[in-house]
Structures are given as structure tokens and as C-alpha cells.
Amino acid sequence: MSDIYIKRDHNLDQEHIRDLAEQLASDIQARVGGSYRWEGDNRMHFKHVGVDGKIDYDESQISVEVVLGFLMKGLKGMLEREIHDHLDDHLNT
């Protein structure tokens, strides 16, 4: 079960929504460390000790799902706010 699940509509083309996913994963990496990689064309997976998540998107929606380990649960509120802020700043819905 996810600790953080955020789903938003978007009106971006494929190139821009992919860039948004990449920027978001990079921001998460900068905050908690770890690495990220593409899994196919529409899924970004990021992982660090205590953080496992994915960003999925299609032509109209983007979703972010994060599972936090016990020691990382204290970062939930901060990480969730940053994801919302990032999406708010970059989506024109």
C-alpha cells in the first residue's frame, strides 16, 4: 500500500509530460537520494533505501505513488507537499 498517492489531470503533450516526470524524479532524488530509471515509455521508477516509488503518465493523467519505509515515514508530509507543489507549478489543468 502506498504512503503517498497523487493523481492529476494534465493537458501536456508527450514530450512535456515526460520532461515533467523526469524533473519530478530528479527533485525527489535531490531530496532523499537514490536513483531513478525509466521503465518503458510512460513509467519512471525511483528507489532509495526506505523510498520506493513510481511516476506513471498517459495522454491525460499523471500519477505519483510512493511507499516509505519505517525510518522515512517522518518525511511523508514534506515529500507529499513538494510533489504537490511541483505538479502545481508545471501543470496547466
PDB file of N, CA and C in Angstrom:
ATOM      1  N   MET A   1       0.838  -1.183   0.000  1.00  0.00           N
ATOM      2  CA  MET A   1       0.000   0.000   0.000  1.00  0.00           C
ATOM      3  C   MET A   1       0.879   1.242   0.000  1.00  0.00           C
ATOM      4  N   SER A   2       0.477   2.223  -0.753  1.00  0.00           N
ATOM      5  CA  SER A   2       1.249   3.454  -0.895  1.00  0.00           C
ATOM      6  C   SER A   2       1.035   4.378   0.295  1.00  0.00           C
ATOM      7  N   ASP A   3       2.105   5.056   0.673  1.00  0.00           N
ATOM      8  CA  ASP A   3       2.013   6.097   1.691  1.00  0.00           C
ATOM      9  C   ASP A   3       1.590   7.416   1.059  1.00  0.00           C
ATOM     10  N   ILE A   4       2.000   7.623  -0.189  1.00  0.00           N
ATOM     11  CA  ILE A   4       1.640   8.831  -0.934  1.00  0.00           C
ATOM     12  C   ILE A   4       1.089   8.389  -2.286  1.00  0.00           C
ATOM     13  N   TYR A   5      -0.080   8.886  -2.634  1.00  0.00           N
ATOM     14  CA  TYR A   5      -0.644   8.630  -3.959  1.00  0.00           C
ATOM     15  C   TYR A   5      -1.297   9.919  -4.441  1.00  0.00           C
ATOM     16  N   ILE A   6      -0.785  10.437  -5.532  1.00  0.00           N
ATOM     17  CA  ILE A   6      -1.288  11.687  -6.095  1.00  0.00           C
ATOM     18  C   ILE A   6      -1.567  11.448  -7.572  1.00  0.00           C
ATOM     19  N   LYS A   7      -2.739  11.838  -8.011  1.00  0.00           N
ATOM     20  CA  LYS A   7      -3.118  11.687  -9.420  1.00  0.00           C
ATOM     21  C   LYS A   7      -3.675  13.017  -9.896  1.00  0.00           C
ATOM     22  N   ARG A   8      -3.174  13.468 -11.044  1.00  0.00           N
ATOM     23  CA  ARG A   8      -3.615  14.758 -11.591  1.00  0.00           C
ATOM     24  C   ARG A   8      -3.897  14.632 -13.079  1.00  0.00           C
ATOM     25  N   ASP A   9      -4.849  15.408 -13.539  1.00  0.00           N
ATOM     26  CA  ASP A   9      -5.081  15.554 -14.974  1.00  0.00           C
ATOM     27  C   ASP A   9      -4.048  16.524 -15.525  1.00  0.00           C
ATOM     28  N   HIS A  10      -3.749  16.384 -16.808  1.00  0.00           N
ATOM     29  CA  HIS A  10      -2.848  17.328 -17.458  1.00  0.00           C
ATOM     30  C   HIS A  10      -3.281  17.511 -18.910  1.00  0.00           C
ATOM     31  N   ASN A  11      -2.763  18.553 -19.516  1.00  0.00           N
ATOM     32  CA  ASN A  11      -3.031  18.800 -20.931  1.00  0.00           C
ATOM     33  C   ASN A  11      -1.726  19.000 -21.702  1.00  0.00           C
ATOM     34  N   LEU A  12      -0.660  18.347 -21.243  1.00  0.00           N
ATOM     35  CA  LEU A  12       0.658  18.463 -21.867  1.00  0.00           C
ATOM     36  C   LEU A  12       0.829  17.416 -22.963  1.00  0.00           C
ATOM     37  N   ASP A  13       1.667  17.733 -23.933  1.00  0.00           N
ATOM     38  CA  ASP A  13       1.988  16.735 -24.949  1.00  0.00           C
ATOM     39  C   ASP A  13       2.982  15.721 -24.366  1.00  0.00           C
ATOM     40  N   GLN A  14       3.239  14.637 -25.098  1.00  0.00           N
ATOM     41  CA  GLN A  14       4.095  13.540 -24.615  1.00  0.00           C
ATOM     42  C   GLN A  14       5.473  14.024 -24.186  1.00  0.00           C
ATOM     43  N   GLU A  15       6.067  14.896 -24.971  1.00  0.00           N
ATOM     44  CA  GLU A  15       7.418  15.375 -24.655  1.00  0.00           C
ATOM     45  C   GLU A  15       7.444  16.139 -23.338  1.00  0.00           C
ATOM     46  N   HIS A  16       6.469  17.012 -23.129  1.00  0.00           N
ATOM     47  CA  HIS A  16       6.454  17.837 -21.923  1.00  0.00           C
ATOM     48  C   HIS A  16       6.078  17.049 -20.674  1.00  0.00           C
ATOM     49  N   ILE A  17       5.158  16.108 -20.789  1.00  0.00           N
ATOM     50  CA  ILE A  17       4.796  15.331 -19.601  1.00  0.00           C
ATOM     51  C   ILE A  17       5.954  14.404 -19.228  1.00  0.00           C
ATOM     52  N   ARG A  18       6.690  13.902 -20.219  1.00  0.00           N
ATOM     53  CA  ARG A  18       7.875  13.079 -19.920  1.00  0.00           C
ATOM     54  C   ARG A  18       8.943  13.934 -19.221  1.00  0.00           C
ATOM     55  N   ASP A  19       9.152  15.151 -19.700  1.00  0.00           N
ATOM     56  CA  ASP A  19      10.099  16.062 -19.048  1.00  0.00           C
ATOM     57  C   ASP A  19       9.671  16.361 -17.611  1.00  0.00           C
ATOM     58  N   LEU A  20       8.382  16.559 -17.400  1.00  0.00           N
ATOM     59  CA  LEU A  20       7.863  16.814 -16.055  1.00  0.00           C
ATOM     60  C   LEU A  20       8.148  15.636 -15.138  1.00  0.00           C
ATOM     61  N   ALA A  21       7.896  14.415 -15.615  1.00  0.00           N
ATOM     62  CA  ALA A  21       8.172  13.225 -14.817  1.00  0.00           C
ATOM     63  C   ALA A  21       9.663  13.134 -14.467  1.00  0.00           C
ATOM     64  N   GLU A  22      10.506  13.427 -15.442  1.00  0.00           N
ATOM     65  CA  GLU A  22      11.961  13.387 -15.222  1.00  0.00           C
ATOM     66  C   GLU A  22      12.378  14.440 -14.190  1.00  0.00           C
ATOM     67  N   GLN A  23      11.842  15.642 -14.295  1.00  0.00           N
ATOM     68  CA  GLN A  23      12.170  16.701 -13.332  1.00  0.00           C
ATOM     69  C   GLN A  23      11.704  16.336 -11.929  1.00  0.00           C
ATOM     70  N   LEU A  24      10.515  15.767 -11.825  1.00  0.00           N
ATOM     71  CA  LEU A  24       9.986  15.384 -10.526  1.00  0.00           C
ATOM     72  C   LEU A  24      10.843  14.296  -9.893  1.00  0.00           C
ATOM     73  N   ALA A  25      11.213  13.285 -10.664  1.00  0.00           N
ATOM     74  CA  ALA A  25      12.078  12.221 -10.141  1.00  0.00           C
ATOM     75  C   ALA A  25      13.436  12.789  -9.719  1.00  0.00           C
ATOM     76  N   SER A  26      13.959  13.720 -10.493  1.00  0.00           N
ATOM     77  CA  SER A  26      15.235  14.358 -10.152  1.00  0.00           C
ATOM     78  C   SER A  26      15.118  15.148  -8.847  1.00  0.00           C
ATOM     79  N   ASP A  27      14.003  15.846  -8.659  1.00  0.00           N
ATOM     80  CA  ASP A  27      13.773  16.594  -7.423  1.00  0.00           C
ATOM     81  C   ASP A  27      13.681  15.656  -6.222  1.00  0.00           C
ATOM     82  N   ILE A  28      12.994  14.533  -6.393  1.00  0.00           N
ATOM     83  CA  ILE A  28      12.891  13.557  -5.307  1.00  0.00           C
ATOM     84  C   ILE A  28      14.274  12.996  -4.994  1.00  0.00           C
ATOM     85  N   GLN A  29      15.039  12.702  -6.028  1.00  0.00           N
ATOM     86  CA  GLN A  29      16.393  12.191  -5.838  1.00  0.00           C
ATOM     87  C   GLN A  29      17.247  13.216  -5.070  1.00  0.00           C
ATOM     88  N   ALA A  30      17.123  14.478  -5.419  1.00  0.00           N
ATOM     89  CA  ALA A  30      17.887  15.517  -4.735  1.00  0.00           C
ATOM     90  C   ALA A  30      17.499  15.605  -3.261  1.00  0.00           C
ATOM     91  N   ARG A  31      16.248  15.350  -2.954  1.00  0.00           N
ATOM     92  CA  ARG A  31      15.756  15.466  -1.582  1.00  0.00           C
ATOM     93  C   ARG A  31      16.117  14.248  -0.731  1.00  0.00           C
ATOM     94  N   VAL A  32      15.913  13.029  -1.269  1.00  0.00           N
ATOM     95  CA  VAL A  32      16.094  11.828  -0.441  1.00  0.00           C
ATOM     96  C   VAL A  32      17.230  10.932  -0.913  1.00  0.00           C
ATOM     97  N   GLY A  33      17.838  11.254  -2.062  1.00  0.00           N
ATOM     98  CA  GLY A  33      18.918  10.415  -2.584  1.00  0.00           C
ATOM     99  C   GLY A  33      18.359   9.313  -3.458  1.00  0.00           C
ATOM    100  N   GLY A  34      19.184   8.332  -3.735  1.00  0.00           N
ATOM    101  CA  GLY A  34      18.752   7.193  -4.525  1.00  0.00           C
ATOM    102  C   GLY A  34      18.942   7.415  -6.011  1.00  0.00           C
ATOM    103  N   SER A  35      18.186   6.658  -6.771  1.00  0.00           N
ATOM    104  CA  SER A  35      18.303   6.720  -8.228  1.00  0.00           C
ATOM    105  C   SER A  35      16.925   6.583  -8.853  1.00  0.00           C
ATOM    106  N   TYR A  36      16.861   6.890 -10.130  1.00  0.00           N
ATOM    107  CA  TYR A  36      15.623   6.687 -10.873  1.00  0.00           C
ATOM    108  C   TYR A  36      15.960   6.189 -12.262  1.00  0.00           C
ATOM    109  N   ARG A  37      14.981   5.517 -12.858  1.00  0.00           N
ATOM    110  CA  ARG A  37      15.165   4.974 -14.209  1.00  0.00           C
ATOM    111  C   ARG A  37      13.804   4.855 -14.882  1.00  0.00           C
ATOM    112  N   TRP A  38      13.849   4.901 -16.201  1.00  0.00           N
ATOM    113  CA  TRP A  38      12.639   4.706 -16.986  1.00  0.00           C
ATOM    114  C   TRP A  38      12.349   3.225 -17.095  1.00  0.00           C
ATOM    115  N   GLU A  39      11.088   2.874 -17.002  1.00  0.00           N
ATOM    116  CA  GLU A  39      10.592   1.525 -17.259  1.00  0.00           C
ATOM    117  C   GLU A  39       9.578   1.661 -18.387  1.00  0.00           C
ATOM    118  N   GLY A  40      10.026   1.468 -19.600  1.00  0.00           N
ATOM    119  CA  GLY A  40       9.159   1.700 -20.749  1.00  0.00           C
ATOM    120  C   GLY A  40       9.065   3.180 -21.044  1.00  0.00           C
ATOM    121  N   ASP A  41       8.038   3.551 -21.791  1.00  0.00           N
ATOM    122  CA  ASP A  41       7.891   4.940 -22.216  1.00  0.00           C
ATOM    123  C   ASP A  41       7.125   5.812 -21.232  1.00  0.00           C
ATOM    124  N   ASN A  42       6.319   5.213 -20.355  1.00  0.00           N
ATOM    125  CA  ASN A  42       5.404   6.012 -19.541  1.00  0.00           C
ATOM    126  C   ASN A  42       5.531   5.760 -18.041  1.00  0.00           C
ATOM    127  N   ARG A  43       6.631   5.173 -17.600  1.00  0.00           N
ATOM    128  CA  ARG A  43       6.802   4.938 -16.166  1.00  0.00           C
ATOM    129  C   ARG A  43       8.228   5.241 -15.758  1.00  0.00           C
ATOM    130  N   MET A  44       8.332   6.043 -14.700  1.00  0.00           N
ATOM    131  CA  MET A  44       9.612   6.354 -14.083  1.00  0.00           C
ATOM    132  C   MET A  44       9.597   5.700 -12.706  1.00  0.00           C
ATOM    133  N   HIS A  45      10.622   4.941 -12.398  1.00  0.00           N
ATOM    134  CA  HIS A  45      10.730   4.284 -11.102  1.00  0.00           C
ATOM    135  C   HIS A  45      11.882   4.927 -10.338  1.00  0.00           C
ATOM    136  N   PHE A  46      11.650   5.270  -9.061  1.00  0.00           N
ATOM    137  CA  PHE A  46      12.731   5.811  -8.249  1.00  0.00           C
ATOM    138  C   PHE A  46      12.848   4.991  -6.970  1.00  0.00           C
ATOM    139  N   LYS A  47      14.081   4.856  -6.505  1.00  0.00           N
ATOM    140  CA  LYS A  47      14.340   3.987  -5.369  1.00  0.00           C
ATOM    141  C   LYS A  47      15.504   4.518  -4.547  1.00  0.00           C
ATOM    142  N   HIS A  48      15.333   4.423  -3.265  1.00  0.00           N
ATOM    143  CA  HIS A  48      16.379   4.725  -2.296  1.00  0.00           C
ATOM    144  C   HIS A  48      16.063   3.877  -1.073  1.00  0.00           C
ATOM    145  N   VAL A  49      17.019   3.672  -0.229  1.00  0.00           N
ATOM    146  CA  VAL A  49      16.748   2.920   0.996  1.00  0.00           C
ATOM    147  C   VAL A  49      15.591   3.603   1.725  1.00  0.00           C
ATOM    148  N   GLY A  50      14.498   2.909   1.880  1.00  0.00           N
ATOM    149  CA  GLY A  50      13.338   3.458   2.568  1.00  0.00           C
ATOM    150  C   GLY A  50      12.363   4.225   1.701  1.00  0.00           C
ATOM    151  N   VAL A  51      12.644   4.359   0.415  1.00  0.00           N
ATOM    152  CA  VAL A  51      11.742   5.066  -0.502  1.00  0.00           C
ATOM    153  C   VAL A  51      11.666   4.275  -1.798  1.00  0.00           C
ATOM    154  N   ASP A  52      10.462   3.923  -2.201  1.00  0.00           N
ATOM    155  CA  ASP A  52      10.259   3.208  -3.461  1.00  0.00           C
ATOM    156  C   ASP A  52       9.029   3.815  -4.122  1.00  0.00           C
ATOM    157  N   GLY A  53       9.193   4.292  -5.331  1.00  0.00           N
ATOM    158  CA  GLY A  53       8.061   4.958  -5.954  1.00  0.00           C
ATOM    159  C   GLY A  53       8.069   4.883  -7.458  1.00  0.00           C
ATOM    160  N   LYS A  54       6.972   5.341  -8.020  1.00  0.00           N
ATOM    161  CA  LYS A  54       6.849   5.374  -9.474  1.00  0.00           C
ATOM    162  C   LYS A  54       6.011   6.570  -9.886  1.00  0.00           C
ATOM    163  N   ILE A  55       6.314   7.029 -11.084  1.00  0.00           N
ATOM    164  CA  ILE A  55       5.548   8.088 -11.723  1.00  0.00           C
ATOM    165  C   ILE A  55       5.042   7.505 -13.035  1.00  0.00           C
ATOM    166  N   ASP A  56       3.745   7.454 -13.189  1.00  0.00           N
ATOM    167  CA  ASP A  56       3.125   6.954 -14.416  1.00  0.00           C
ATOM    168  C   ASP A  56       2.369   8.103 -15.071  1.00  0.00           C
ATOM    169  N   TYR A  57       2.335   8.074 -16.394  1.00  0.00           N
ATOM    170  CA  TYR A  57       1.543   9.076 -17.094  1.00  0.00           C
ATOM    171  C   TYR A  57       1.007   8.500 -18.395  1.00  0.00           C
ATOM    172  N   ASP A  58      -0.076   9.122 -18.850  1.00  0.00           N
ATOM    173  CA  ASP A  58      -0.622   8.828 -20.169  1.00  0.00           C
ATOM    174  C   ASP A  58      -0.989  10.164 -20.799  1.00  0.00           C
ATOM    175  N   GLU A  59      -1.812  10.146 -21.812  1.00  0.00           N
ATOM    176  CA  GLU A  59      -2.100  11.385 -22.533  1.00  0.00           C
ATOM    177  C   GLU A  59      -2.927  12.391 -21.737  1.00  0.00           C
ATOM    178  N   SER A  60      -3.522  11.983 -20.607  1.00  0.00           N
ATOM    179  CA  SER A  60      -4.353  12.927 -19.865  1.00  0.00           C
ATOM    180  C   SER A  60      -4.132  12.955 -18.358  1.00  0.00           C
ATOM    181  N   GLN A  61      -3.366  12.005 -17.805  1.00  0.00           N
ATOM    182  CA  GLN A  61      -3.173  11.968 -16.358  1.00  0.00           C
ATOM    183  C   GLN A  61      -1.732  11.599 -16.013  1.00  0.00           C
ATOM    184  N   ILE A  62      -1.307  12.064 -14.843  1.00  0.00           N
ATOM    185  CA  ILE A  62      -0.026  11.673 -14.265  1.00  0.00           C
ATOM    186  C   ILE A  62      -0.308  11.242 -12.828  1.00  0.00           C
ATOM    187  N   SER A  63       0.350  10.180 -12.401  1.00  0.00           N
ATOM    188  CA  SER A  63       0.181   9.727 -11.030  1.00  0.00           C
ATOM    189  C   SER A  63       1.552   9.470 -10.410  1.00  0.00           C
ATOM    190  N   VAL A  64       1.627   9.757  -9.121  1.00  0.00           N
ATOM    191  CA  VAL A  64       2.842   9.540  -8.345  1.00  0.00           C
ATOM    192  C   VAL A  64       2.468   8.668  -7.163  1.00  0.00           C
ATOM    193  N   GLU A  65       3.194   7.578  -6.999  1.00  0.00           N
ATOM    194  CA  GLU A  65       2.927   6.626  -5.930  1.00  0.00           C
ATOM    195  C   GLU A  65       4.243   6.366  -5.197  1.00  0.00           C
ATOM    196  N   VAL A  66       4.223   6.520  -3.868  1.00  0.00           N
ATOM    197  CA  VAL A  66       5.440   6.369  -3.078  1.00  0.00           C
ATOM    198  C   VAL A  66       5.152   5.491  -1.864  1.00  0.00           C
ATOM    199  N   VAL A  67       6.034   4.521  -1.642  1.00  0.00           N
ATOM    200  CA  VAL A  67       5.994   3.695  -0.444  1.00  0.00           C
ATOM    201  C   VAL A  67       7.219   4.077   0.382  1.00  0.00           C
ATOM    202  N   LEU A  68       6.980   4.414   1.642  1.00  0.00           N
ATOM    203  CA  LEU A  68       8.059   4.836   2.537  1.00  0.00           C
ATOM    204  C   LEU A  68       8.337   3.750   3.568  1.00  0.00           C
ATOM    205  N   GLY A  69       9.606   3.496   3.791  1.00  0.00           N
ATOM    206  CA  GLY A  69       9.998   2.588   4.856  1.00  0.00           C
ATOM    207  C   GLY A  69       9.790   3.261   6.211  1.00  0.00           C
ATOM    208  N   PHE A  70       9.892   2.481   7.256  1.00  0.00           N
ATOM    209  CA  PHE A  70       9.619   2.957   8.608  1.00  0.00           C
ATOM    210  C   PHE A  70      10.400   4.222   8.953  1.00  0.00           C
ATOM    211  N   LEU A  71      11.689   4.237   8.678  1.00  0.00           N
ATOM    212  CA  LEU A  71      12.516   5.381   9.054  1.00  0.00           C
ATOM    213  C   LEU A  71      12.257   6.614   8.198  1.00  0.00           C
ATOM    214  N   MET A  72      11.640   6.441   7.040  1.00  0.00           N
ATOM    215  CA  MET A  72      11.365   7.575   6.143  1.00  0.00           C
ATOM    216  C   MET A  72       9.955   8.137   6.319  1.00  0.00           C
ATOM    217  N   LYS A  73       9.123   7.498   7.115  1.00  0.00           N
ATOM    218  CA  LYS A  73       7.740   7.955   7.275  1.00  0.00           C
ATOM    219  C   LYS A  73       7.663   9.384   7.798  1.00  0.00           C
ATOM    220  N   GLY A  74       8.679   9.823   8.534  1.00  0.00           N
ATOM    221  CA  GLY A  74       8.709  11.190   9.042  1.00  0.00           C
ATOM    222  C   GLY A  74       8.825  12.231   7.939  1.00  0.00           C
ATOM    223  N   LEU A  75       9.262  11.818   6.760  1.00  0.00           N
ATOM    224  CA  LEU A  75       9.388  12.728   5.626  1.00  0.00           C
ATOM    225  C   LEU A  75       8.123  12.796   4.771  1.00  0.00           C
ATOM    226  N   LYS A  76       7.107  12.028   5.124  1.00  0.00           N
ATOM    227  CA  LYS A  76       5.916  11.934   4.284  1.00  0.00           C
ATOM    228  C   LYS A  76       5.299  13.301   3.979  1.00  0.00           C
ATOM    229  N   GLY A  77       5.022  14.087   4.987  1.00  0.00           N
ATOM    230  CA  GLY A  77       4.367  15.379   4.779  1.00  0.00           C
ATOM    231  C   GLY A  77       5.180  16.297   3.892  1.00  0.00           C
ATOM    232  N   MET A  78       6.475  16.378   4.137  1.00  0.00           N
ATOM    233  CA  MET A  78       7.354  17.233   3.356  1.00  0.00           C
ATOM    234  C   MET A  78       7.415  16.767   1.911  1.00  0.00           C
ATOM    235  N   LEU A  79       7.591  15.472   1.710  1.00  0.00           N
ATOM    236  CA  LEU A  79       7.694  14.930   0.359  1.00  0.00           C
ATOM    237  C   LEU A  79       6.385  15.088  -0.402  1.00  0.00           C
ATOM    238  N   GLU A  80       5.280  14.831   0.267  1.00  0.00           N
ATOM    239  CA  GLU A  80       3.966  14.979  -0.370  1.00  0.00           C
ATOM    240  C   GLU A  80       3.714  16.433  -0.782  1.00  0.00           C
ATOM    241  N   ARG A  81       4.063  17.389   0.081  1.00  0.00           N
ATOM    242  CA  ARG A  81       3.913  18.813  -0.247  1.00  0.00           C
ATOM    243  C   ARG A  81       4.768  19.192  -1.454  1.00  0.00           C
ATOM    244  N   GLU A  82       5.998  18.697  -1.485  1.00  0.00           N
ATOM    245  CA  GLU A  82       6.883  19.023  -2.598  1.00  0.00           C
ATOM    246  C   GLU A  82       6.371  18.460  -3.922  1.00  0.00           C
ATOM    247  N   ILE A  83       5.806  17.272  -3.885  1.00  0.00           N
ATOM    248  CA  ILE A  83       5.233  16.691  -5.108  1.00  0.00           C
ATOM    249  C   ILE A  83       4.054  17.537  -5.570  1.00  0.00           C
ATOM    250  N   HIS A  84       3.157  17.867  -4.643  1.00  0.00           N
ATOM    251  CA  HIS A  84       2.009  18.722  -4.998  1.00  0.00           C
ATOM    252  C   HIS A  84       2.489  20.063  -5.556  1.00  0.00           C
ATOM    253  N   ASP A  85       3.464  20.690  -4.907  1.00  0.00           N
ATOM    254  CA  ASP A  85       3.974  21.983  -5.365  1.00  0.00           C
ATOM    255  C   ASP A  85       4.567  21.870  -6.769  1.00  0.00           C
ATOM    256  N   HIS A  86       5.333  20.816  -7.004  1.00  0.00           N
ATOM    257  CA  HIS A  86       5.949  20.616  -8.316  1.00  0.00           C
ATOM    258  C   HIS A  86       4.865  20.479  -9.392  1.00  0.00           C
ATOM    259  N   LEU A  87       3.862  19.668  -9.121  1.00  0.00           N
ATOM    260  CA  LEU A  87       2.781  19.483 -10.087  1.00  0.00           C
ATOM    261  C   LEU A  87       1.994  20.782 -10.271  1.00  0.00           C
ATOM    262  N   ASP A  88       1.730  21.494  -9.188  1.00  0.00           N
ATOM    263  CA  ASP A  88       1.013  22.774  -9.276  1.00  0.00           C
ATOM    264  C   ASP A  88       1.783  23.756 -10.167  1.00  0.00           C
ATOM    265  N   ASP A  89       3.097  23.781 -10.018  1.00  0.00           N
ATOM    266  CA  ASP A  89       3.930  24.722 -10.776  1.00  0.00           C
ATOM    267  C   ASP A  89       4.016  24.383 -12.257  1.00  0.00           C
ATOM    268  N   HIS A  90       3.828  23.113 -12.630  1.00  0.00           N
ATOM    269  CA  HIS A  90       4.106  22.693 -14.006  1.00  0.00           C
ATOM    270  C   HIS A  90       2.902  22.215 -14.804  1.00  0.00           C
ATOM    271  N   LEU A  91       1.768  22.054 -14.169  1.00  0.00           N
ATOM    272  CA  LEU A  91       0.586  21.581 -14.908  1.00  0.00           C
ATOM    273  C   LEU A  91      -0.371  22.724 -15.167  1.00  0.00           C
ATOM    274  N   ASN A  92      -0.895  22.743 -16.354  1.00  0.00           N
ATOM    275  CA  ASN A  92      -1.934  23.706 -16.726  1.00  0.00           C
ATOM    276  C   ASN A  92      -3.216  22.925 -16.936  1.00  0.00           C
ATOM    277  N   THR A  93      -3.947  22.716 -15.848  1.00  0.00           N
ATOM    278  CA  THR A  93      -5.180  21.929 -15.957  1.00  0.00           C
ATOM    279  C   THR A  93      -6.393  22.826 -15.914  1.00  0.00           C
TER     280      THR A  93
END
